[in-house]
Amino acid sequence: MKTERIRGKRKEILIFFLPNLFTSANLFFGFFSVLNSFQGRWVTAAYAIFVAAFADGLDGRVARLTKAQSAFGEEYDSLADLISFGMAPAMLLYFWALQPFGRLGWIAAFAFLLCAALRLARFNVLKQSVEKRYFQGLPSPFAAGAVASAVLFYREMGLVTDFREPFTVVLAFVLAVSMISTLRYRSFKDLKFKSQKTFAWMLLIAVSIIVVSPKPELTLFPVAMMYVLWGPLGELSRLVWKRFFRIIPKSKK
C-alpha cells in the first residue's frame, strides 16, 4: 500500500514537471539565441528561436494530455515566451541589422520587445474572453519567427547589406504594431477533423509544408510575411464587404 502511494506520488511529480520541462527548453533556447546574437552568430540565433517555438508548442499540449495545467505553468510559460519571442528576436534584429542606425536602431529593437511584452500580458488577461478561432494581434512566436526567417532568407539570397538595414527598421515597427493591434489572426484551434472545411485547411497546410521543406531558408520568410499581412488584409476585406456587398433588407409592403 505504501509502495503504491509512493509510486503514485512520483507519477504526479513527473506529470507536473514534464510540461514545465518543455517550457524550460523554450527558455533555454531563447537565452541561447541571445548569447549567439551578442557573438555575431546570427544564423544559430535564428535557428534557436525556431527550436524555442517548437518547445513552446509542445508544453501546452503535453500539459493538456497529462491533465497537468496549472496557474504556475501558465505564468512560467509567459515568462519564457518573453525571453524567447521578445528579447531574443529584438537582440537578433539589433545586432544583425539595426545597430548602424544608432538611437533609431535600439528604439526599433526596444519597440519590438515592449510590444511583445504587452501582447503577452494582454493575452493572459483576455484569454478566457477572446474568441478561440482568432488571436487578437499577431502572436509573439509568429513575430519572432518572422525575424528569424528574415535572417535565413537574407543569408540564402545574398542580398545587399545596405538594403537589409532600412528594411529591418520597417520590419521591426510593423511587427511591433501588429502584435499590439486588435487585428484578428486565425488560430486554427477550432478545427474539427471530420468537416470538409477542416480537410481543406489540412490540405493547404500539407501543400505549404511541401513547398517549404525543400528550401526552408528561402520560403519560410515569405510564408511568415503572408501570415503577418493576413490580419490587415482580412480586416480590409471585411470592411469592403460590409461597405459594398452587404445584404440590404427588403422593405416591408
C-alpha atoms as a PDB file:
ATOM      1  CA  MET A   1       0.000   0.000   0.000  1.00  0.00           C
ATOM      2  CA  LYS A   2       2.790   2.374   0.936  1.00  0.00           C
ATOM      3  CA  THR A   3       4.732   1.414  -2.204  1.00  0.00           C
ATOM      4  CA  GLU A   4       1.718   2.183  -4.396  1.00  0.00           C
ATOM      5  CA  ARG A   5       1.301   5.538  -2.676  1.00  0.00           C
ATOM      6  CA  ILE A   6       4.968   6.392  -3.321  1.00  0.00           C
ATOM      7  CA  ARG A   7       4.650   5.358  -6.984  1.00  0.00           C
ATOM      8  CA  GLY A   8       1.518   7.478  -7.340  1.00  0.00           C
ATOM      9  CA  LYS A   9       3.318  10.455  -5.820  1.00  0.00           C
ATOM     10  CA  ARG A  10       6.252  10.005  -8.193  1.00  0.00           C
ATOM     11  CA  LYS A  11       3.864   9.831 -11.127  1.00  0.00           C
ATOM     12  CA  GLU A  12       2.179  13.078 -10.045  1.00  0.00           C
ATOM     13  CA  ILE A  13       5.561  14.795  -9.758  1.00  0.00           C
ATOM     14  CA  LEU A  14       6.612  13.505 -13.193  1.00  0.00           C
ATOM     15  CA  ILE A  15       3.356  14.691 -14.786  1.00  0.00           C
ATOM     16  CA  PHE A  16       3.800  18.117 -13.174  1.00  0.00           C
ATOM     17  CA  PHE A  17       7.417  18.535 -14.309  1.00  0.00           C
ATOM     18  CA  LEU A  18       7.001  17.167 -17.844  1.00  0.00           C
ATOM     19  CA  PRO A  19       5.253  20.217 -19.404  1.00  0.00           C
ATOM     20  CA  ASN A  20       7.494  22.574 -17.419  1.00  0.00           C
ATOM     21  CA  LEU A  21      10.480  20.719 -18.856  1.00  0.00           C
ATOM     22  CA  PHE A  22       9.413  21.802 -22.350  1.00  0.00           C
ATOM     23  CA  THR A  23       8.878  25.351 -21.060  1.00  0.00           C
ATOM     24  CA  SER A  24      12.423  25.266 -19.659  1.00  0.00           C
ATOM     25  CA  ALA A  25      13.673  24.130 -23.080  1.00  0.00           C
ATOM     26  CA  ASN A  26      11.857  27.088 -24.618  1.00  0.00           C
ATOM     27  CA  LEU A  27      13.553  29.429 -22.124  1.00  0.00           C
ATOM     28  CA  PHE A  28      16.978  27.837 -22.677  1.00  0.00           C
ATOM     29  CA  PHE A  29      16.906  28.229 -26.460  1.00  0.00           C
ATOM     30  CA  GLY A  30      15.696  31.815 -26.115  1.00  0.00           C
ATOM     31  CA  PHE A  31      18.670  32.525 -23.854  1.00  0.00           C
ATOM     32  CA  PHE A  32      20.940  30.615 -26.247  1.00  0.00           C
ATOM     33  CA  SER A  33      19.702  32.791 -29.113  1.00  0.00           C
ATOM     34  CA  VAL A  34      20.524  35.980 -27.186  1.00  0.00           C
ATOM     35  CA  LEU A  35      24.059  34.730 -26.484  1.00  0.00           C
ATOM     36  CA  ASN A  36      24.647  33.944 -30.156  1.00  0.00           C
ATOM     37  CA  SER A  37      23.299  37.339 -31.228  1.00  0.00           C
ATOM     38  CA  PHE A  38      25.864  39.015 -28.958  1.00  0.00           C
ATOM     39  CA  GLN A  39      28.589  36.888 -30.559  1.00  0.00           C
ATOM     40  CA  GLY A  40      27.501  37.646 -34.127  1.00  0.00           C
ATOM     41  CA  ARG A  41      26.303  34.108 -34.833  1.00  0.00           C
ATOM     42  CA  TRP A  42      23.022  35.252 -36.309  1.00  0.00           C
ATOM     43  CA  VAL A  43      22.077  32.078 -38.165  1.00  0.00           C
ATOM     44  CA  THR A  44      22.499  29.989 -34.999  1.00  0.00           C
ATOM     45  CA  ALA A  45      20.476  32.585 -33.081  1.00  0.00           C
ATOM     46  CA  ALA A  46      17.708  32.364 -35.683  1.00  0.00           C
ATOM     47  CA  TYR A  47      17.550  28.558 -35.548  1.00  0.00           C
ATOM     48  CA  ALA A  48      17.479  28.711 -31.727  1.00  0.00           C
ATOM     49  CA  ILE A  49      14.305  30.836 -31.912  1.00  0.00           C
ATOM     50  CA  PHE A  50      12.667  28.190 -34.114  1.00  0.00           C
ATOM     51  CA  VAL A  51      13.596  25.439 -31.636  1.00  0.00           C
ATOM     52  CA  ALA A  52      12.199  27.570 -28.793  1.00  0.00           C
ATOM     53  CA  ALA A  53       8.940  27.944 -30.737  1.00  0.00           C
ATOM     54  CA  PHE A  54       8.786  24.170 -31.244  1.00  0.00           C
ATOM     55  CA  ALA A  55       9.246  23.582 -27.494  1.00  0.00           C
ATOM     56  CA  ASP A  56       6.633  26.254 -26.745  1.00  0.00           C
ATOM     57  CA  GLY A  57       4.157  24.464 -28.990  1.00  0.00           C
ATOM     58  CA  LEU A  58       4.664  21.231 -27.091  1.00  0.00           C
ATOM     59  CA  ASP A  59       4.434  22.359 -23.464  1.00  0.00           C
ATOM     60  CA  GLY A  60       0.744  23.283 -23.584  1.00  0.00           C
ATOM     61  CA  ARG A  61      -0.192  20.137 -25.477  1.00  0.00           C
ATOM     62  CA  VAL A  62       1.730  17.944 -23.029  1.00  0.00           C
ATOM     63  CA  ALA A  63       0.038  19.733 -20.101  1.00  0.00           C
ATOM     64  CA  ARG A  64      -3.403  19.065 -21.594  1.00  0.00           C
ATOM     65  CA  LEU A  65      -2.611  15.436 -22.390  1.00  0.00           C
ATOM     66  CA  THR A  66      -1.313  14.772 -18.878  1.00  0.00           C
ATOM     67  CA  LYS A  67      -4.007  16.991 -17.305  1.00  0.00           C
ATOM     68  CA  ALA A  68      -1.299  18.994 -15.589  1.00  0.00           C
ATOM     69  CA  GLN A  69      -2.459  22.527 -16.399  1.00  0.00           C
ATOM     70  CA  SER A  70      -1.717  24.951 -13.593  1.00  0.00           C
ATOM     71  CA  ALA A  71      -1.525  28.678 -12.921  1.00  0.00           C
ATOM     72  CA  PHE A  72       2.190  28.214 -12.228  1.00  0.00           C
ATOM     73  CA  GLY A  73       2.728  26.615 -15.642  1.00  0.00           C
ATOM     74  CA  GLU A  74       0.866  29.419 -17.418  1.00  0.00           C
ATOM     75  CA  GLU A  75       2.908  32.134 -15.694  1.00  0.00           C
ATOM     76  CA  TYR A  76       6.168  30.287 -16.283  1.00  0.00           C
ATOM     77  CA  ASP A  77       5.283  29.849 -19.950  1.00  0.00           C
ATOM     78  CA  SER A  78       4.620  33.597 -20.345  1.00  0.00           C
ATOM     79  CA  LEU A  79       7.959  34.493 -18.756  1.00  0.00           C
ATOM     80  CA  ALA A  80       9.784  32.045 -21.031  1.00  0.00           C
ATOM     81  CA  ASP A  81       7.931  33.426 -24.067  1.00  0.00           C
ATOM     82  CA  LEU A  82       9.028  36.965 -23.209  1.00  0.00           C
ATOM     83  CA  ILE A  83      12.673  35.864 -23.408  1.00  0.00           C
ATOM     84  CA  SER A  84      12.356  33.617 -26.475  1.00  0.00           C
ATOM     85  CA  PHE A  85       9.910  35.683 -28.535  1.00  0.00           C
ATOM     86  CA  GLY A  86      10.562  39.156 -27.154  1.00  0.00           C
ATOM     87  CA  MET A  87      14.141  39.609 -26.017  1.00  0.00           C
ATOM     88  CA  ALA A  88      15.779  37.069 -28.365  1.00  0.00           C
ATOM     89  CA  PRO A  89      14.353  38.409 -31.668  1.00  0.00           C
ATOM     90  CA  ALA A  90      14.841  42.018 -30.513  1.00  0.00           C
ATOM     91  CA  MET A  91      18.537  41.343 -29.838  1.00  0.00           C
ATOM     92  CA  LEU A  92      18.863  39.452 -33.118  1.00  0.00           C
ATOM     93  CA  LEU A  93      17.316  42.363 -35.025  1.00  0.00           C
ATOM     94  CA  TYR A  94      19.555  44.897 -33.310  1.00  0.00           C
ATOM     95  CA  PHE A  95      22.910  43.155 -33.694  1.00  0.00           C
ATOM     96  CA  TRP A  96      22.117  41.797 -37.150  1.00  0.00           C
ATOM     97  CA  ALA A  97      20.942  44.981 -38.841  1.00  0.00           C
ATOM     98  CA  LEU A  98      19.754  47.813 -36.570  1.00  0.00           C
ATOM     99  CA  GLN A  99      22.999  48.729 -34.784  1.00  0.00           C
ATOM    100  CA  PRO A 100      24.249  51.086 -37.568  1.00  0.00           C
ATOM    101  CA  PHE A 101      21.171  53.286 -37.032  1.00  0.00           C
ATOM    102  CA  GLY A 102      22.255  54.260 -33.522  1.00  0.00           C
ATOM    103  CA  ARG A 103      19.371  55.582 -31.419  1.00  0.00           C
ATOM    104  CA  LEU A 104      16.734  54.711 -34.031  1.00  0.00           C
ATOM    105  CA  GLY A 105      18.078  51.156 -34.130  1.00  0.00           C
ATOM    106  CA  TRP A 106      17.783  50.460 -30.420  1.00  0.00           C
ATOM    107  CA  ILE A 107      14.402  52.214 -30.269  1.00  0.00           C
ATOM    108  CA  ALA A 108      13.124  49.894 -33.023  1.00  0.00           C
ATOM    109  CA  ALA A 109      14.500  46.836 -31.199  1.00  0.00           C
ATOM    110  CA  PHE A 110      13.018  48.001 -27.889  1.00  0.00           C
ATOM    111  CA  ALA A 111       9.654  48.671 -29.570  1.00  0.00           C
ATOM    112  CA  PHE A 112       9.592  45.023 -30.650  1.00  0.00           C
ATOM    113  CA  LEU A 113      10.406  43.841 -27.105  1.00  0.00           C
ATOM    114  CA  LEU A 114       7.903  46.233 -25.485  1.00  0.00           C
ATOM    115  CA  CYS A 115       5.060  45.209 -27.793  1.00  0.00           C
ATOM    116  CA  ALA A 116       5.844  41.518 -27.303  1.00  0.00           C
ATOM    117  CA  ALA A 117       5.564  42.043 -23.526  1.00  0.00           C
ATOM    118  CA  LEU A 118       2.288  43.959 -23.910  1.00  0.00           C
ATOM    119  CA  ARG A 119       0.944  41.287 -26.271  1.00  0.00           C
ATOM    120  CA  LEU A 120       1.705  38.509 -23.771  1.00  0.00           C
ATOM    121  CA  ALA A 121       0.195  40.477 -20.864  1.00  0.00           C
ATOM    122  CA  ARG A 122      -2.979  41.173 -22.838  1.00  0.00           C
ATOM    123  CA  PHE A 123      -3.234  37.523 -23.844  1.00  0.00           C
ATOM    124  CA  ASN A 124      -3.052  36.426 -20.199  1.00  0.00           C
ATOM    125  CA  VAL A 125      -5.782  38.866 -19.190  1.00  0.00           C
ATOM    126  CA  LEU A 126      -8.177  38.256 -22.102  1.00  0.00           C
ATOM    127  CA  LYS A 127      -7.598  34.599 -22.964  1.00  0.00           C
ATOM    128  CA  GLN A 128     -10.879  33.496 -21.380  1.00  0.00           C
ATOM    129  CA  SER A 129     -12.981  36.093 -23.206  1.00  0.00           C
ATOM    130  CA  VAL A 130     -11.363  36.146 -26.666  1.00  0.00           C
ATOM    131  CA  GLU A 131     -12.810  34.018 -29.469  1.00  0.00           C
ATOM    132  CA  LYS A 132     -10.715  30.863 -29.781  1.00  0.00           C
ATOM    133  CA  ARG A 133     -10.774  30.856 -33.578  1.00  0.00           C
ATOM    134  CA  TYR A 134      -8.705  34.032 -33.708  1.00  0.00           C
ATOM    135  CA  PHE A 135      -5.735  35.657 -31.986  1.00  0.00           C
ATOM    136  CA  GLN A 136      -6.127  39.338 -31.131  1.00  0.00           C
ATOM    137  CA  GLY A 137      -2.997  40.817 -32.626  1.00  0.00           C
ATOM    138  CA  LEU A 138      -0.067  38.975 -34.147  1.00  0.00           C
ATOM    139  CA  PRO A 139       1.137  36.223 -31.748  1.00  0.00           C
ATOM    140  CA  SER A 140       4.665  36.871 -30.458  1.00  0.00           C
ATOM    141  CA  PRO A 141       6.019  33.439 -31.600  1.00  0.00           C
ATOM    142  CA  PHE A 142       4.972  34.284 -35.175  1.00  0.00           C
ATOM    143  CA  ALA A 143       6.600  37.727 -34.928  1.00  0.00           C
ATOM    144  CA  ALA A 144       9.803  36.127 -33.614  1.00  0.00           C
ATOM    145  CA  GLY A 145       9.627  33.534 -36.412  1.00  0.00           C
ATOM    146  CA  ALA A 146       9.358  36.326 -38.983  1.00  0.00           C
ATOM    147  CA  VAL A 147      12.574  37.880 -37.620  1.00  0.00           C
ATOM    148  CA  ALA A 148      14.426  34.548 -37.544  1.00  0.00           C
ATOM    149  CA  SER A 149      13.277  33.597 -41.053  1.00  0.00           C
ATOM    150  CA  ALA A 150      14.370  37.033 -42.352  1.00  0.00           C
ATOM    151  CA  VAL A 151      17.936  36.316 -41.215  1.00  0.00           C
ATOM    152  CA  LEU A 152      17.960  32.949 -43.015  1.00  0.00           C
ATOM    153  CA  PHE A 153      16.327  34.450 -46.117  1.00  0.00           C
ATOM    154  CA  TYR A 154      18.890  37.250 -46.457  1.00  0.00           C
ATOM    155  CA  ARG A 155      21.813  34.893 -45.978  1.00  0.00           C
ATOM    156  CA  GLU A 156      20.477  32.452 -48.576  1.00  0.00           C
ATOM    157  CA  MET A 157      19.667  35.194 -51.100  1.00  0.00           C
ATOM    158  CA  GLY A 158      22.930  37.075 -50.512  1.00  0.00           C
ATOM    159  CA  LEU A 159      21.096  40.418 -50.517  1.00  0.00           C
ATOM    160  CA  VAL A 160      22.988  43.688 -50.174  1.00  0.00           C
ATOM    161  CA  THR A 161      23.563  44.833 -46.592  1.00  0.00           C
ATOM    162  CA  ASP A 162      22.577  48.447 -47.378  1.00  0.00           C
ATOM    163  CA  PHE A 163      19.111  47.252 -48.378  1.00  0.00           C
ATOM    164  CA  ARG A 164      18.778  44.945 -45.385  1.00  0.00           C
ATOM    165  CA  GLU A 165      19.255  47.621 -42.752  1.00  0.00           C
ATOM    166  CA  PRO A 166      16.461  50.089 -43.751  1.00  0.00           C
ATOM    167  CA  PHE A 167      14.082  47.177 -44.386  1.00  0.00           C
ATOM    168  CA  THR A 168      14.620  45.718 -40.911  1.00  0.00           C
ATOM    169  CA  VAL A 169      13.786  49.062 -39.251  1.00  0.00           C
ATOM    170  CA  VAL A 170      10.432  48.975 -41.022  1.00  0.00           C
ATOM    171  CA  LEU A 171      10.035  45.262 -40.243  1.00  0.00           C
ATOM    172  CA  ALA A 172      10.663  45.825 -36.514  1.00  0.00           C
ATOM    173  CA  PHE A 173       7.976  48.526 -36.257  1.00  0.00           C
ATOM    174  CA  VAL A 174       5.473  46.641 -38.428  1.00  0.00           C
ATOM    175  CA  LEU A 175       5.802  43.510 -36.293  1.00  0.00           C
ATOM    176  CA  ALA A 176       5.638  45.555 -33.081  1.00  0.00           C
ATOM    177  CA  VAL A 177       2.444  47.363 -34.108  1.00  0.00           C
ATOM    178  CA  SER A 178       0.900  44.113 -35.400  1.00  0.00           C
ATOM    179  CA  MET A 179       1.411  42.439 -32.008  1.00  0.00           C
ATOM    180  CA  ILE A 180      -0.435  45.115 -30.027  1.00  0.00           C
ATOM    181  CA  SER A 181      -3.111  45.717 -32.663  1.00  0.00           C
ATOM    182  CA  THR A 182      -6.647  44.358 -32.445  1.00  0.00           C
ATOM    183  CA  LEU A 183      -6.353  42.721 -35.862  1.00  0.00           C
ATOM    184  CA  ARG A 184      -7.627  39.150 -35.974  1.00  0.00           C
ATOM    185  CA  TYR A 185      -5.277  36.324 -36.924  1.00  0.00           C
ATOM    186  CA  ARG A 186      -6.540  32.797 -37.494  1.00  0.00           C
ATOM    187  CA  SER A 187      -5.516  30.451 -34.670  1.00  0.00           C
ATOM    188  CA  PHE A 188      -6.701  27.125 -36.192  1.00  0.00           C
ATOM    189  CA  LYS A 189      -7.627  25.963 -32.665  1.00  0.00           C
ATOM    190  CA  ASP A 190     -11.219  25.271 -33.642  1.00  0.00           C
ATOM    191  CA  LEU A 191     -10.530  22.843 -36.479  1.00  0.00           C
ATOM    192  CA  LYS A 192     -12.700  19.718 -36.401  1.00  0.00           C
ATOM    193  CA  PHE A 193     -11.052  16.957 -38.320  1.00  0.00           C
ATOM    194  CA  LYS A 194     -14.344  15.467 -39.590  1.00  0.00           C
ATOM    195  CA  SER A 195     -15.526  18.527 -41.517  1.00  0.00           C
ATOM    196  CA  GLN A 196     -14.807  19.303 -45.185  1.00  0.00           C
ATOM    197  CA  LYS A 197     -13.607  22.789 -44.253  1.00  0.00           C
ATOM    198  CA  THR A 198     -11.019  21.293 -41.931  1.00  0.00           C
ATOM    199  CA  PHE A 199      -9.910  18.905 -44.663  1.00  0.00           C
ATOM    200  CA  ALA A 200      -9.339  21.904 -46.945  1.00  0.00           C
ATOM    201  CA  TRP A 201      -7.255  23.635 -44.268  1.00  0.00           C
ATOM    202  CA  MET A 202      -5.232  20.484 -43.649  1.00  0.00           C
ATOM    203  CA  LEU A 203      -4.640  20.130 -47.389  1.00  0.00           C
ATOM    204  CA  LEU A 204      -3.461  23.736 -47.552  1.00  0.00           C
ATOM    205  CA  ILE A 205      -1.092  23.156 -44.620  1.00  0.00           C
ATOM    206  CA  ALA A 206       0.251  19.960 -46.216  1.00  0.00           C
ATOM    207  CA  VAL A 207       0.914  21.784 -49.506  1.00  0.00           C
ATOM    208  CA  SER A 208       2.627  24.591 -47.587  1.00  0.00           C
ATOM    209  CA  ILE A 209       4.902  22.084 -45.843  1.00  0.00           C
ATOM    210  CA  ILE A 210       5.808  20.510 -49.203  1.00  0.00           C
ATOM    211  CA  VAL A 211       6.608  23.947 -50.622  1.00  0.00           C
ATOM    212  CA  VAL A 212       8.645  24.991 -47.586  1.00  0.00           C
ATOM    213  CA  SER A 213      10.572  21.771 -46.910  1.00  0.00           C
ATOM    214  CA  PRO A 214      12.937  21.640 -49.962  1.00  0.00           C
ATOM    215  CA  LYS A 215      14.433  25.075 -49.204  1.00  0.00           C
ATOM    216  CA  PRO A 216      13.080  26.433 -45.893  1.00  0.00           C
ATOM    217  CA  GLU A 217      15.619  29.273 -45.791  1.00  0.00           C
ATOM    218  CA  LEU A 218      14.018  30.774 -48.914  1.00  0.00           C
ATOM    219  CA  THR A 219      10.359  30.008 -48.281  1.00  0.00           C
ATOM    220  CA  LEU A 220       9.819  30.489 -44.529  1.00  0.00           C
ATOM    221  CA  PHE A 221      10.150  34.272 -44.640  1.00  0.00           C
ATOM    222  CA  PRO A 222       7.596  34.832 -47.472  1.00  0.00           C
ATOM    223  CA  VAL A 223       5.182  32.449 -45.692  1.00  0.00           C
ATOM    224  CA  ALA A 224       5.715  34.324 -42.396  1.00  0.00           C
ATOM    225  CA  MET A 225       5.073  37.684 -44.058  1.00  0.00           C
ATOM    226  CA  MET A 226       1.905  36.312 -45.676  1.00  0.00           C
ATOM    227  CA  TYR A 227       0.623  35.482 -42.194  1.00  0.00           C
ATOM    228  CA  VAL A 228       1.646  38.935 -40.884  1.00  0.00           C
ATOM    229  CA  LEU A 229      -0.377  40.518 -43.715  1.00  0.00           C
ATOM    230  CA  TRP A 230      -3.313  38.194 -43.013  1.00  0.00           C
ATOM    231  CA  GLY A 231      -4.587  40.497 -40.246  1.00  0.00           C
ATOM    232  CA  PRO A 232      -4.742  43.839 -42.087  1.00  0.00           C
ATOM    233  CA  LEU A 233      -5.874  42.275 -45.376  1.00  0.00           C
ATOM    234  CA  GLY A 234      -8.597  40.317 -43.593  1.00  0.00           C
ATOM    235  CA  GLU A 235      -9.806  43.458 -41.836  1.00  0.00           C
ATOM    236  CA  LEU A 236      -9.774  45.370 -45.120  1.00  0.00           C
ATOM    237  CA  SER A 237     -11.766  42.655 -46.883  1.00  0.00           C
ATOM    238  CA  ARG A 238     -14.379  42.683 -44.092  1.00  0.00           C
ATOM    239  CA  LEU A 239     -14.724  46.476 -44.339  1.00  0.00           C
ATOM    240  CA  VAL A 240     -15.089  46.327 -48.120  1.00  0.00           C
ATOM    241  CA  TRP A 241     -17.669  43.551 -47.828  1.00  0.00           C
ATOM    242  CA  LYS A 242     -19.744  45.491 -45.274  1.00  0.00           C
ATOM    243  CA  ARG A 243     -19.466  48.703 -47.284  1.00  0.00           C
ATOM    244  CA  PHE A 244     -20.239  47.459 -50.772  1.00  0.00           C
ATOM    245  CA  PHE A 245     -21.659  43.929 -50.631  1.00  0.00           C
ATOM    246  CA  ARG A 246     -23.789  43.805 -47.509  1.00  0.00           C
ATOM    247  CA  ILE A 247     -27.286  42.483 -47.943  1.00  0.00           C
ATOM    248  CA  ILE A 248     -29.854  45.274 -47.906  1.00  0.00           C
ATOM    249  CA  PRO A 249     -33.011  44.155 -46.047  1.00  0.00           C
ATOM    250  CA  LYS A 250     -36.165  44.036 -48.124  1.00  0.00           C
ATOM    251  CA  SER A 251     -38.652  46.806 -47.480  1.00  0.00           C
ATOM    252  CA  LYS A 252     -41.970  45.755 -45.955  1.00  0.00           C
ATOM    253  CA  LYS A 253     -45.011  46.131 -48.183  1.00  0.00           C
END
